Amino acid sequence: MKTVYDVMQLLKRFGIYIYTKDRLADLEMMEDEIKELYKMQMIEAKDFQIAILIVRQEQNKYKR
């Protein structure tokens, strides 16, 4: 995983589609969903860490 698109593809594997026309809201929802998948042990720790890092980096771009 290297991009937000890759994170979206990870979520799609679990039937999770996120699009609200508000990029920042989308990123926040993605972060929440990633955390839930990790809590339910559906994704590995490495994938969780990388996905959260990518989403947070993208959030920082939009908050500036």
C-alpha atoms as a PDB file:
ATOM      1  CA  MET A   1       0.000   0.000   0.000  1.00  0.00           C
ATOM      2  CA  LYS A   2       1.315   3.372  -1.011  1.00  0.00           C
ATOM      3  CA  THR A   3      -1.679   5.603  -1.735  1.00  0.00           C
ATOM      4  CA  VAL A   4      -5.157   6.413  -0.486  1.00  0.00           C
ATOM      5  CA  TYR A   5      -6.457   4.512  -3.501  1.00  0.00           C
ATOM      6  CA  ASP A   6      -4.716   1.392  -2.164  1.00  0.00           C
ATOM      7  CA  VAL A   7      -6.408   1.924   1.215  1.00  0.00           C
ATOM      8  CA  MET A   8      -9.761   2.231  -0.566  1.00  0.00           C
ATOM      9  CA  GLN A   9      -9.070  -1.070  -2.336  1.00  0.00           C
ATOM     10  CA  LEU A  10      -8.320  -2.694   1.036  1.00  0.00           C
ATOM     11  CA  LEU A  11     -11.667  -1.477   2.375  1.00  0.00           C
ATOM     12  CA  LYS A  12     -13.481  -2.668  -0.764  1.00  0.00           C
ATOM     13  CA  ARG A  13     -12.262  -6.201  -0.076  1.00  0.00           C
ATOM     14  CA  PHE A  14     -14.548  -6.090   2.968  1.00  0.00           C
ATOM     15  CA  GLY A  15     -17.469  -4.452   1.165  1.00  0.00           C
ATOM     16  CA  ILE A  16     -16.750  -0.978   2.516  1.00  0.00           C
ATOM     17  CA  TYR A  17     -17.255   1.855   0.031  1.00  0.00           C
ATOM     18  CA  ILE A  18     -16.731   5.424   1.221  1.00  0.00           C
ATOM     19  CA  TYR A  19     -17.561   8.510  -0.813  1.00  0.00           C
ATOM     20  CA  THR A  20     -19.308  11.589   0.581  1.00  0.00           C
ATOM     21  CA  LYS A  21     -17.956  14.308  -1.761  1.00  0.00           C
ATOM     22  CA  ASP A  22     -16.112  15.702   1.283  1.00  0.00           C
ATOM     23  CA  ARG A  23     -12.527  14.441   1.081  1.00  0.00           C
ATOM     24  CA  LEU A  24     -11.704  15.135   4.731  1.00  0.00           C
ATOM     25  CA  ALA A  25     -14.857  13.366   5.927  1.00  0.00           C
ATOM     26  CA  ASP A  26     -14.018  10.417   3.655  1.00  0.00           C
ATOM     27  CA  LEU A  27     -10.551  10.155   5.192  1.00  0.00           C
ATOM     28  CA  GLU A  28     -11.952  10.268   8.732  1.00  0.00           C
ATOM     29  CA  MET A  29     -14.447   7.518   7.888  1.00  0.00           C
ATOM     30  CA  MET A  30     -11.680   5.435   6.318  1.00  0.00           C
ATOM     31  CA  GLU A  31      -9.629   5.754   9.502  1.00  0.00           C
ATOM     32  CA  ASP A  32     -12.593   4.628  11.610  1.00  0.00           C
ATOM     33  CA  GLU A  33     -13.268   1.644   9.356  1.00  0.00           C
ATOM     34  CA  ILE A  34      -9.611   0.598   9.361  1.00  0.00           C
ATOM     35  CA  LYS A  35      -9.586   0.703  13.163  1.00  0.00           C
ATOM     36  CA  GLU A  36     -12.735  -1.435  13.295  1.00  0.00           C
ATOM     37  CA  LEU A  37     -11.291  -4.006  10.897  1.00  0.00           C
ATOM     38  CA  TYR A  38      -8.179  -4.225  13.042  1.00  0.00           C
ATOM     39  CA  LYS A  39     -10.181  -4.581  16.268  1.00  0.00           C
ATOM     40  CA  MET A  40     -12.108  -7.444  14.699  1.00  0.00           C
ATOM     41  CA  GLN A  41      -8.755  -8.975  13.644  1.00  0.00           C
ATOM     42  CA  MET A  42      -9.690  -8.915   9.964  1.00  0.00           C
ATOM     43  CA  ILE A  43      -6.480  -7.143   8.919  1.00  0.00           C
ATOM     44  CA  GLU A  44      -2.936  -7.650  10.146  1.00  0.00           C
ATOM     45  CA  ALA A  45      -1.054  -5.160  12.289  1.00  0.00           C
ATOM     46  CA  LYS A  46       1.288  -4.250   9.428  1.00  0.00           C
ATOM     47  CA  ASP A  47      -1.603  -3.420   7.076  1.00  0.00           C
ATOM     48  CA  PHE A  48      -3.303  -1.465   9.862  1.00  0.00           C
ATOM     49  CA  GLN A  49      -0.226   0.637  10.549  1.00  0.00           C
ATOM     50  CA  ILE A  50       0.474   1.395   6.901  1.00  0.00           C
ATOM     51  CA  ALA A  51      -3.156   2.251   6.126  1.00  0.00           C
ATOM     52  CA  ILE A  52      -3.492   4.560   9.130  1.00  0.00           C
ATOM     53  CA  LEU A  53      -0.227   6.295   8.236  1.00  0.00           C
ATOM     54  CA  ILE A  54      -1.352   6.886   4.645  1.00  0.00           C
ATOM     55  CA  VAL A  55      -4.760   8.214   5.702  1.00  0.00           C
ATOM     56  CA  ARG A  56      -3.288  10.543   8.327  1.00  0.00           C
ATOM     57  CA  GLN A  57      -0.716  11.916   5.892  1.00  0.00           C
ATOM     58  CA  GLU A  58      -3.498  12.687   3.438  1.00  0.00           C
ATOM     59  CA  GLN A  59      -5.562  14.303   6.218  1.00  0.00           C
ATOM     60  CA  ASN A  60      -2.630  16.575   7.042  1.00  0.00           C
ATOM     61  CA  LYS A  61      -2.483  17.726   3.411  1.00  0.00           C
ATOM     62  CA  TYR A  62      -6.150  18.791   3.527  1.00  0.00           C
ATOM     63  CA  LYS A  63      -5.978  20.436   6.956  1.00  0.00           C
ATOM     64  CA  ARG A  64      -3.259  22.866   5.872  1.00  0.00           C
END
